[in-house]
């Protein structure tokens, strides 16, 4: 009966009654060479970029694939494959070539071993897969770099996912921690959290309106407004109001049909002035002072019955006549920008203006 060979390590199995006187030689080869190579063998194997390198386990003889530890040399890289037999066997792979090498059974997917990496692989009879994917604990001699999924630091106060040593730039769709409405601690907030916390802003009346700074735009829908300090070049417009200019303190009650610049009130920073020398009856003048003015005049006549009529913007503002007294007088107010005149058949004595 002739010899057969074991399935995975291809050890020679001597048939009954065979190899009389040669058992010692065959057994020494099985134990001292083939099994020793499978358990503790270390061999180097060159690979070439872009090609398949096939290694074998010959029946009853030494072979590269029989060794436990394979050190790959040469030039690895794209499409560089180490083809091993389909025998069920453990491999320690040290890729000491210049690029990644895929270790696999012919026609299968296998496992890519990066350059300079050392991995434990196993052929399961169909293809090469990772020999392990779980460790109960692990102690590293140095910090695992961020590129490998570590923190990049030797110590960290964080828990859960990796804590990076520097502020990262988020890409993709990062998930932020959740928080209940009203949480005001320092943390990353999602758009959903902000929406839930703020709700619909609505109008100013539904918000906390204390110390609201309005720097532009239009404010509408106010039934009352208090302005203090200096409101420079502020314009109030709308039905019932026409307010423009600068106000240090402005308060308007009731219906303000037309109130323009609270600093332009009659008497504010004005004085009485005798303008008799530059005024005459029948001449039209214009109030260009930027404030309302108050006009007062007096006239004399040698006879009774003298009449005087005062006009503002062509409309009668005042009428007076002298009966038996030798003097007549009248007064009236001229709004900003309005024209005014006095017609009389008397003699002008004084023309005073508060301006």
Protein backbone atom coordinates (compact mmCIF):
# COMPACT_ATOMS: atom_id res chain seq x y z
CA UNK A 1 0.00 0.00 0.00
CA UNK A 2 1.53 3.32 -1.07
CA UNK A 3 1.87 6.46 1.11
CA UNK A 4 -0.80 9.24 1.31
CA UNK A 5 -0.46 12.84 2.53
CA UNK A 6 -2.27 14.88 5.22
CA UNK A 7 -4.83 17.43 4.04
CA UNK A 8 -3.35 20.68 5.35
CA UNK A 9 0.37 20.21 5.99
CA UNK A 10 0.95 17.49 3.34
CA UNK A 11 2.85 15.21 5.74
CA UNK A 12 3.65 11.77 4.35
CA UNK A 13 1.45 9.02 5.80
CA UNK A 14 3.22 5.65 5.23
CA UNK A 15 0.97 2.87 4.03
CA UNK A 16 0.69 -0.35 6.04
CA UNK A 17 3.68 -2.60 5.38
CA UNK A 18 5.41 0.01 3.20
CA UNK A 19 8.93 1.48 3.46
CA UNK A 20 10.42 -1.35 5.53
CA UNK A 21 13.71 -0.08 6.86
CA UNK A 22 12.94 3.53 5.74
CA UNK A 23 10.43 4.56 8.41
CA UNK A 24 13.08 6.47 10.34
CA UNK A 25 14.00 8.65 7.39
CA UNK A 26 10.36 9.46 6.50
CA UNK A 27 9.44 10.13 10.12
CA UNK A 28 12.43 12.41 10.66
CA UNK A 29 11.42 14.40 7.57
CA UNK A 30 7.81 14.70 8.83
CA UNK A 31 8.74 15.67 12.38
CA UNK A 32 12.09 17.38 12.11
CA UNK A 33 11.57 19.27 8.87
CA UNK A 34 7.95 19.62 7.75
CA UNK A 35 6.15 20.00 11.10
CA UNK A 36 8.94 22.19 12.49
CA UNK A 37 8.66 24.42 9.42
CA UNK A 38 4.85 24.66 9.88
CA UNK A 39 5.15 25.53 13.57
CA UNK A 40 8.22 27.77 13.71
CA UNK A 41 9.43 28.28 10.18
CA UNK A 42 10.51 31.78 9.12
CA UNK A 43 11.07 32.53 5.44
CA UNK A 44 11.45 35.58 3.19
CA UNK A 45 9.56 35.85 -0.08
CA UNK A 46 10.07 38.52 -2.73
CA UNK A 47 7.05 40.09 -4.44
CA UNK A 48 6.83 42.30 -7.53
CA UNK A 49 4.44 45.21 -8.03
CA UNK A 50 1.37 44.36 -10.08
CA UNK A 51 2.00 40.60 -10.28
CA UNK A 52 0.88 37.37 -8.55
CA UNK A 53 3.48 35.43 -6.55
CA UNK A 54 2.34 31.85 -5.86
CA UNK A 55 3.73 29.81 -2.96
CA UNK A 56 2.96 26.11 -2.26
CA UNK A 57 3.00 23.30 0.30
CA UNK A 58 4.46 20.30 -1.63
CA UNK A 59 3.56 16.77 -0.50
CA UNK A 60 6.24 15.48 1.87
CA UNK A 61 8.71 18.26 1.02
CA UNK A 62 9.62 21.74 2.18
CA UNK A 63 7.79 24.73 0.66
CA UNK A 64 7.46 28.49 1.29
CA UNK A 65 3.75 28.28 2.14
CA UNK A 66 4.44 25.67 4.82
CA UNK A 67 6.29 28.22 7.00
CA UNK A 68 4.50 29.90 9.91
CA UNK A 69 6.11 33.37 9.46
CA UNK A 70 6.44 34.95 6.01
CA UNK A 71 8.45 38.12 5.51
CA UNK A 72 7.59 39.78 2.19
CA UNK A 73 10.30 41.78 0.43
CA UNK A 74 10.58 43.53 -2.91
CA UNK A 75 8.13 46.03 -4.43
CA UNK A 76 4.51 45.82 -3.39
CA UNK A 77 1.67 48.13 -4.38
CA UNK A 78 -1.44 48.05 -6.54
CA UNK A 79 -2.50 44.61 -7.82
CA UNK A 80 0.33 42.85 -5.98
CA UNK A 81 -0.87 39.45 -4.70
CA UNK A 82 0.63 36.61 -2.69
CA UNK A 83 -1.24 33.44 -3.69
CA UNK A 84 -1.32 30.72 -1.02
CA UNK A 85 -2.83 27.22 -1.27
CA UNK A 86 -6.38 26.55 -0.05
CA UNK A 87 -5.01 24.38 2.80
CA UNK A 88 -6.31 25.38 6.23
CA UNK A 89 -3.34 27.05 7.87
CA UNK A 90 -2.24 29.97 10.07
CA UNK A 91 0.10 32.65 8.69
CA UNK A 92 2.07 35.44 10.34
CA UNK A 93 2.70 38.03 7.60
CA UNK A 94 5.31 40.81 7.81
CA UNK A 95 5.04 43.03 4.72
CA UNK A 96 8.53 44.45 4.44
CA UNK A 97 8.02 45.39 0.78
CA UNK A 98 7.51 48.92 -0.57
CA UNK A 99 3.70 48.73 -0.86
CA UNK A 100 0.57 46.87 0.15
CA UNK A 101 0.28 43.16 -0.72
CA UNK A 102 -2.94 41.16 -0.81
CA UNK A 103 -2.64 37.64 0.63
CA UNK A 104 -5.32 35.33 -0.78
CA UNK A 105 -6.31 32.02 -2.28
CA UNK A 106 -6.37 32.12 -6.07
CA UNK A 107 -9.61 33.65 -7.39
CA UNK A 108 -10.64 34.96 -3.96
CA UNK A 109 -10.59 38.36 -2.21
CA UNK A 110 -8.09 37.86 0.59
CA UNK A 111 -6.69 40.48 2.98
CA UNK A 112 -4.57 43.51 2.03
CA UNK A 113 -1.50 43.88 4.25
CA UNK A 114 -0.15 47.47 4.22
CA UNK A 115 3.55 48.13 3.81
CA UNK A 116 5.49 47.70 7.10
CA UNK A 117 2.45 46.03 8.71
CA UNK A 118 2.53 42.73 10.62
CA UNK A 119 -0.73 40.74 10.62
CA UNK A 120 -2.05 37.35 11.73
CA UNK A 121 -4.02 35.67 8.92
CA UNK A 122 -5.59 32.27 8.41
CA UNK A 123 -6.61 30.30 5.36
CA UNK A 124 -10.01 28.77 6.13
CA UNK A 125 -9.86 26.37 3.21
CA UNK A 126 -11.58 28.83 0.88
CA UNK A 127 -9.81 32.17 1.27
CA UNK A 128 -7.49 34.11 3.58
CA UNK A 129 -9.16 36.11 6.38
CA UNK A 130 -8.09 37.91 9.57
CA UNK A 131 -7.29 35.40 12.29
CA UNK A 132 -8.65 37.63 15.08
CA UNK A 133 -11.06 40.57 15.47
CA UNK A 134 -11.46 40.86 19.23
CA UNK A 135 -9.24 41.70 22.19
CA UNK A 136 -10.58 41.95 25.74
CA UNK A 137 -7.97 44.60 26.58
CA UNK A 138 -4.98 46.29 25.02
CA UNK A 139 -2.04 48.22 26.41
CA UNK A 140 0.01 50.30 23.98
CA UNK A 141 3.59 51.30 24.46
CA UNK A 142 2.92 54.68 22.83
CA UNK A 143 -0.13 56.75 21.83
CA UNK A 144 -2.10 55.47 18.85
CA UNK A 145 -1.99 58.18 16.14
CA UNK A 146 -5.18 59.90 14.99
CA UNK A 147 -4.71 58.52 11.46
CA UNK A 148 -5.11 55.03 12.93
CA UNK A 149 -8.23 55.92 14.90
CA UNK A 150 -6.47 56.92 18.13
CA UNK A 151 -6.41 60.16 20.10
CA UNK A 152 -2.86 61.13 19.32
CA UNK A 153 -2.25 61.82 23.02
CA UNK A 154 -1.03 59.62 25.87
CA UNK A 155 -3.80 60.74 28.22
CA UNK A 156 -7.35 62.00 27.68
CA UNK A 157 -10.24 63.12 29.88
CA UNK A 158 -12.80 62.22 27.23
CA UNK A 159 -14.94 59.13 27.06
CA UNK A 160 -16.76 57.34 24.28
CA UNK A 161 -15.50 58.22 20.81
CA UNK A 162 -12.00 59.52 20.16
CA UNK A 163 -10.99 62.81 21.74
CA UNK A 164 -8.67 64.70 19.40
CA UNK A 165 -5.72 66.72 20.66
CA UNK A 166 -6.64 69.74 18.46
CA UNK A 167 -9.94 71.19 17.28
CA UNK A 168 -10.94 69.26 14.15
CA UNK A 169 -12.75 70.48 11.05
CA UNK A 170 -15.99 68.54 10.82
CA UNK A 171 -16.92 66.98 7.50
CA UNK A 172 -19.89 64.95 6.35
CA UNK A 173 -22.85 64.99 8.77
CA UNK A 174 -21.45 65.00 12.35
CA UNK A 175 -23.89 64.11 15.13
CA UNK A 176 -24.01 66.49 18.09
CA UNK A 177 -25.09 65.45 21.61
CA UNK A 178 -28.75 65.98 22.43
CA UNK A 179 -29.96 68.28 25.19
CA UNK A 180 -33.32 69.18 26.67
CA UNK A 181 -34.96 72.53 25.88
CA UNK A 182 -33.56 75.37 27.98
CA UNK A 183 -30.11 73.85 28.41
CA UNK A 184 -27.60 76.70 28.45
CA UNK A 185 -24.33 74.89 29.17
CA UNK A 186 -21.43 75.15 26.73
CA UNK A 187 -21.85 72.46 24.10
CA UNK A 188 -22.39 71.93 20.39
CA UNK A 189 -26.02 72.59 19.44
CA UNK A 190 -27.86 71.06 16.50
CA UNK A 191 -30.20 73.05 14.27
CA UNK A 192 -33.08 70.99 15.67
CA UNK A 193 -32.13 71.97 19.24
CA UNK A 194 -31.88 75.68 18.33
CA UNK A 195 -35.27 75.58 16.63
CA UNK A 196 -36.86 73.91 19.64
CA UNK A 197 -35.21 76.35 22.06
CA UNK A 198 -36.09 79.58 20.21
CA UNK A 199 -39.34 78.67 18.50
CA UNK A 200 -40.89 81.20 16.14
CA UNK A 201 -39.49 84.66 16.89
CA UNK A 202 -42.76 86.43 16.12
CA UNK A 203 -43.02 90.15 16.87
CA UNK A 204 -41.10 92.30 19.33
CA UNK A 205 -44.08 92.32 21.69
CA UNK A 206 -43.68 88.55 22.26
CA UNK A 207 -39.94 88.79 23.03
CA UNK A 208 -37.94 90.15 25.93
CA UNK A 209 -37.93 93.76 24.71
CA UNK A 210 -35.64 95.21 27.40
CA UNK A 211 -32.61 96.98 25.95
CA UNK A 212 -33.39 96.09 22.34
CA UNK A 213 -30.96 97.84 20.01
CA UNK A 214 -32.55 98.81 16.69
CA UNK A 215 -29.84 99.71 14.18
CA UNK A 216 -31.87 99.96 10.99
CA UNK A 217 -34.94 98.89 9.11
CA UNK A 218 -38.55 99.76 9.84
CA UNK A 219 -40.42 99.45 13.14
CA UNK A 220 -44.18 99.18 12.72
CA UNK A 221 -47.23 98.31 14.78
CA UNK A 222 -46.24 100.28 17.91
CA UNK A 223 -49.09 101.90 19.87
CA UNK A 224 -46.62 103.80 22.07
CA UNK A 225 -42.92 104.59 21.95
CA UNK A 226 -40.57 106.15 24.49
CA UNK A 227 -37.33 107.63 23.14
CA UNK A 228 -34.62 108.82 25.52
CA UNK A 229 -31.07 109.92 24.95
CA UNK A 230 -30.09 111.16 21.50
CA UNK A 231 -31.97 109.75 18.52
CA UNK A 232 -29.93 111.16 15.65
CA UNK A 233 -31.70 111.66 12.33
CA UNK A 234 -34.65 109.51 13.41
CA UNK A 235 -37.75 109.68 11.24
CA UNK A 236 -41.17 108.66 12.52
CA UNK A 237 -43.75 108.21 9.80
CA UNK A 238 -47.23 106.83 9.37
CA UNK A 239 -50.84 107.83 9.82
CA UNK A 240 -51.23 110.58 12.41
CA UNK A 241 -47.52 111.24 12.90
CA UNK A 242 -44.79 113.00 11.01
CA UNK A 243 -41.77 113.30 13.27
CA UNK A 244 -38.27 114.02 11.99
CA UNK A 245 -35.02 115.33 13.37
CA UNK A 246 -33.09 114.96 16.63
CA UNK A 247 -34.72 114.75 20.05
CA UNK A 248 -32.95 114.61 23.40
CA UNK A 249 -36.28 114.00 25.12
CA UNK A 250 -39.56 113.70 23.24
CA UNK A 251 -43.01 112.85 24.53
CA UNK A 252 -46.13 113.23 22.41
CA UNK A 253 -49.61 112.40 23.65
CA UNK A 254 -52.91 112.27 21.86
CA UNK A 255 -53.03 112.58 18.08
CA UNK A 256 -49.98 114.30 16.62
CA UNK A 257 -51.06 115.41 13.17
CA UNK A 258 -47.70 116.96 12.40
CA UNK A 259 -44.92 117.36 14.94
CA UNK A 260 -41.54 118.09 13.40
CA UNK A 261 -38.35 118.12 15.45
CA UNK A 262 -39.05 118.55 19.16
CA UNK A 263 -36.16 121.04 19.43
CA UNK A 264 -38.04 123.43 17.12
CA UNK A 265 -40.62 124.44 19.73
CA UNK A 266 -41.41 128.19 19.83
CA UNK A 267 -39.17 129.94 22.36
CA UNK A 268 -36.49 127.24 22.46
CA UNK A 269 -33.12 129.04 22.16
CA UNK A 270 -34.87 132.12 20.70
CA UNK A 271 -34.81 135.80 21.72
CA UNK A 272 -36.83 138.94 21.04
CA UNK A 273 -35.33 141.03 18.26
CA UNK A 274 -36.24 144.56 17.09
CA UNK A 275 -36.35 144.25 13.30
CA UNK A 276 -38.24 147.52 12.67
CA UNK A 277 -35.50 148.91 10.47
CA UNK A 278 -35.73 145.96 8.04
CA UNK A 279 -39.50 145.63 7.88
CA UNK A 280 -42.23 147.57 6.06
CA UNK A 281 -45.95 147.22 5.42
CA UNK A 282 -46.97 145.46 2.20
CA UNK A 283 -43.77 143.38 1.88
CA UNK A 284 -43.80 139.56 2.07
CA UNK A 285 -41.15 137.87 4.24
CA UNK A 286 -40.24 134.17 4.73
CA UNK A 287 -39.53 132.41 8.03
CA UNK A 288 -36.26 130.60 7.20
CA UNK A 289 -35.04 130.29 10.83
CA UNK A 290 -35.91 126.59 11.09
CA UNK A 291 -38.22 127.35 14.02
CA UNK A 292 -41.64 129.00 14.41
CA UNK A 293 -41.40 132.76 15.12
CA UNK A 294 -43.72 135.16 16.95
CA UNK A 295 -44.34 138.59 15.32
CA UNK A 296 -45.57 141.71 17.18
CA UNK A 297 -45.95 145.22 15.77
CA UNK A 298 -47.43 148.57 16.72
CA UNK A 299 -48.41 151.50 14.51
CA UNK A 300 -49.59 155.12 14.86
CA UNK A 301 -52.02 157.21 12.83
CA UNK A 302 -52.97 160.90 12.98
CA UNK A 303 -56.64 160.01 12.63
CA UNK A 304 -58.90 157.28 13.98
CA UNK A 305 -60.07 154.34 11.89
CA UNK A 306 -56.64 152.96 10.77
CA UNK A 307 -56.78 149.26 9.79
CA UNK A 308 -54.07 146.53 9.75
CA UNK A 309 -54.34 142.99 8.24
CA UNK A 310 -51.75 140.25 8.84
CA UNK A 311 -51.24 137.30 6.45
CA UNK A 312 -49.43 133.94 6.81
CA UNK A 313 -48.98 131.96 3.59
CA UNK A 314 -51.54 134.29 2.01
CA UNK A 315 -54.15 133.52 4.66
CA UNK A 316 -55.53 136.10 7.09
CA UNK A 317 -53.84 135.55 10.44
CA UNK A 318 -54.79 138.75 12.30
CA UNK A 319 -57.01 141.84 11.78
CA UNK A 320 -57.14 144.99 13.89
CA UNK A 321 -58.36 148.57 13.52
CA UNK A 322 -57.80 151.79 15.49
CA UNK A 323 -60.89 153.53 16.80
CA UNK A 324 -60.19 156.68 18.81
CA UNK A 325 -56.77 155.75 20.17
CA UNK A 326 -53.60 157.01 18.49
CA UNK A 327 -51.92 153.56 18.37
CA UNK A 328 -52.85 150.03 17.13
CA UNK A 329 -50.96 146.74 17.52
CA UNK A 330 -51.29 143.00 16.72
CA UNK A 331 -49.32 139.75 17.03
CA UNK A 332 -49.30 136.34 15.30
CA UNK A 333 -47.18 133.16 14.91
CA UNK A 334 -45.41 132.21 11.68
CA UNK A 335 -44.69 128.46 11.22
CA UNK A 336 -41.37 127.14 9.86
CA UNK A 337 -40.89 128.04 6.19
CA UNK A 338 -44.11 130.11 5.93
CA UNK A 339 -44.43 133.57 4.36
CA UNK A 340 -45.89 136.53 6.23
CA UNK A 341 -46.80 140.17 5.62
CA UNK A 342 -48.69 143.10 7.19
CA UNK A 343 -50.79 145.63 5.29
CA UNK A 344 -51.86 148.87 6.99
CA UNK A 345 -52.72 152.50 6.24
CA UNK A 346 -50.96 153.59 9.44
CA UNK A 347 -47.39 154.49 10.32
CA UNK A 348 -45.10 151.61 11.54
CA UNK A 349 -43.68 152.27 15.01
CA UNK A 350 -42.23 148.92 16.19
CA UNK A 351 -41.83 145.47 14.58
CA UNK A 352 -40.56 142.85 17.05
CA UNK A 353 -39.95 139.16 16.41
CA UNK A 354 -39.23 136.26 18.79
CA UNK A 355 -36.80 134.28 16.60
